Amino acid sequence: MNPIDLVVTVCAVLSPATCEEQHLVFNFAGSPRQCVMAAPPYIAQWVGDHPKWQAVRWRCEYPHPNDKA
């Protein structure tokens, strides 16, 4: 399994124009396209832990080696 970056755009429930990207890194044995299809349970868990935010879109990509954690 390789790490893959699930990039979720979330917006504040009380202020839908206030949005930001959250990067959730997890081990996934598949392509970024397969990751997108498998992501909803992970996104639901994150939203459950952060009830002031709602997920509006997401994508998967391989982590960039120069990004800082």
C-alpha atoms as a PDB file:
ATOM      1  CA  MET A   1       0.000   0.000   0.000  1.00  0.00           C
ATOM      2  CA  ASN A   2       1.212   3.466  -0.860  1.00  0.00           C
ATOM      3  CA  PRO A   3       0.286   6.744   0.786  1.00  0.00           C
ATOM      4  CA  ILE A   4      -2.160   8.840  -1.190  1.00  0.00           C
ATOM      5  CA  ASP A   5      -3.338  12.359  -0.481  1.00  0.00           C
ATOM      6  CA  LEU A   6      -7.101  12.829  -0.250  1.00  0.00           C
ATOM      7  CA  VAL A   7      -7.650  16.559  -0.783  1.00  0.00           C
ATOM      8  CA  VAL A   8     -11.072  17.585   0.516  1.00  0.00           C
ATOM      9  CA  THR A   9     -12.505  21.069  -0.009  1.00  0.00           C
ATOM     10  CA  VAL A  10     -14.628  21.874   3.023  1.00  0.00           C
ATOM     11  CA  CYS A  11     -16.823  24.903   3.679  1.00  0.00           C
ATOM     12  CA  ALA A  12     -18.127  26.230   6.977  1.00  0.00           C
ATOM     13  CA  VAL A  13     -21.735  25.221   7.600  1.00  0.00           C
ATOM     14  CA  LEU A  14     -22.641  28.694   8.920  1.00  0.00           C
ATOM     15  CA  SER A  15     -20.643  30.544   6.260  1.00  0.00           C
ATOM     16  CA  PRO A  16     -20.645  28.547   2.992  1.00  0.00           C
ATOM     17  CA  ALA A  17     -18.340  31.084   1.303  1.00  0.00           C
ATOM     18  CA  THR A  18     -15.603  30.237   3.835  1.00  0.00           C
ATOM     19  CA  CYS A  19     -13.820  27.229   2.363  1.00  0.00           C
ATOM     20  CA  GLU A  20     -10.444  25.556   2.736  1.00  0.00           C
ATOM     21  CA  GLU A  21      -8.653  22.410   1.640  1.00  0.00           C
ATOM     22  CA  GLN A  22      -7.927  19.609   4.060  1.00  0.00           C
ATOM     23  CA  HIS A  23      -5.298  17.012   3.179  1.00  0.00           C
ATOM     24  CA  LEU A  24      -5.974  13.548   4.547  1.00  0.00           C
ATOM     25  CA  VAL A  25      -3.140  11.108   3.884  1.00  0.00           C
ATOM     26  CA  PHE A  26      -3.858   7.413   4.140  1.00  0.00           C
ATOM     27  CA  ASN A  27      -2.560   4.157   2.742  1.00  0.00           C
ATOM     28  CA  PHE A  28      -4.466   3.020  -0.310  1.00  0.00           C
ATOM     29  CA  ALA A  29      -3.689   0.248  -2.766  1.00  0.00           C
ATOM     30  CA  GLY A  30      -5.082   1.770  -5.939  1.00  0.00           C
ATOM     31  CA  SER A  31      -5.023   4.638  -8.383  1.00  0.00           C
ATOM     32  CA  PRO A  32      -6.137   8.197  -7.604  1.00  0.00           C
ATOM     33  CA  ARG A  33      -9.350   7.509  -9.547  1.00  0.00           C
ATOM     34  CA  GLN A  34     -10.081   4.450  -7.384  1.00  0.00           C
ATOM     35  CA  CYS A  35      -9.279   6.539  -4.312  1.00  0.00           C
ATOM     36  CA  VAL A  36     -11.933   9.109  -5.289  1.00  0.00           C
ATOM     37  CA  MET A  37     -14.534   6.367  -5.466  1.00  0.00           C
ATOM     38  CA  ALA A  38     -13.445   4.858  -2.125  1.00  0.00           C
ATOM     39  CA  ALA A  39     -13.175   8.201  -0.318  1.00  0.00           C
ATOM     40  CA  PRO A  40     -16.755   8.896   0.917  1.00  0.00           C
ATOM     41  CA  PRO A  41     -16.483   6.829   4.144  1.00  0.00           C
ATOM     42  CA  TYR A  42     -13.244   8.627   5.076  1.00  0.00           C
ATOM     43  CA  ILE A  43     -14.789  12.000   4.272  1.00  0.00           C
ATOM     44  CA  ALA A  44     -17.896  11.132   6.299  1.00  0.00           C
ATOM     45  CA  GLN A  45     -15.714  10.238   9.274  1.00  0.00           C
ATOM     46  CA  TRP A  46     -13.813  13.540   8.999  1.00  0.00           C
ATOM     47  CA  VAL A  47     -17.053  15.548   8.715  1.00  0.00           C
ATOM     48  CA  GLY A  48     -18.442  13.634  11.708  1.00  0.00           C
ATOM     49  CA  ASP A  49     -15.386  14.711  13.709  1.00  0.00           C
ATOM     50  CA  HIS A  50     -15.675  18.322  12.420  1.00  0.00           C
ATOM     51  CA  PRO A  51     -19.417  19.144  12.417  1.00  0.00           C
ATOM     52  CA  LYS A  52     -18.901  22.840  11.638  1.00  0.00           C
ATOM     53  CA  TRP A  53     -17.632  21.908   8.161  1.00  0.00           C
ATOM     54  CA  GLN A  54     -19.203  20.261   5.125  1.00  0.00           C
ATOM     55  CA  ALA A  55     -17.329  18.587   2.274  1.00  0.00           C
ATOM     56  CA  VAL A  56     -18.101  20.075  -1.127  1.00  0.00           C
ATOM     57  CA  ARG A  57     -15.577  18.305  -3.381  1.00  0.00           C
ATOM     58  CA  TRP A  58     -12.558  16.040  -3.204  1.00  0.00           C
ATOM     59  CA  ARG A  59      -9.764  14.606  -5.260  1.00  0.00           C
ATOM     60  CA  CYS A  60      -6.924  12.170  -4.736  1.00  0.00           C
ATOM     61  CA  GLU A  61      -3.327  12.615  -5.733  1.00  0.00           C
ATOM     62  CA  TYR A  62       0.041  11.182  -4.931  1.00  0.00           C
ATOM     63  CA  PRO A  63       1.840  13.200  -2.243  1.00  0.00           C
ATOM     64  CA  HIS A  64       4.355  15.694  -3.571  1.00  0.00           C
ATOM     65  CA  PRO A  65       7.821  15.014  -2.142  1.00  0.00           C
ATOM     66  CA  ASN A  66       8.536  18.716  -1.569  1.00  0.00           C
ATOM     67  CA  ASP A  67       5.344  19.350   0.454  1.00  0.00           C
ATOM     68  CA  LYS A  68       5.757  19.829   4.168  1.00  0.00           C
ATOM     69  CA  ALA A  69       3.548  17.799   6.470  1.00  0.00           C
END
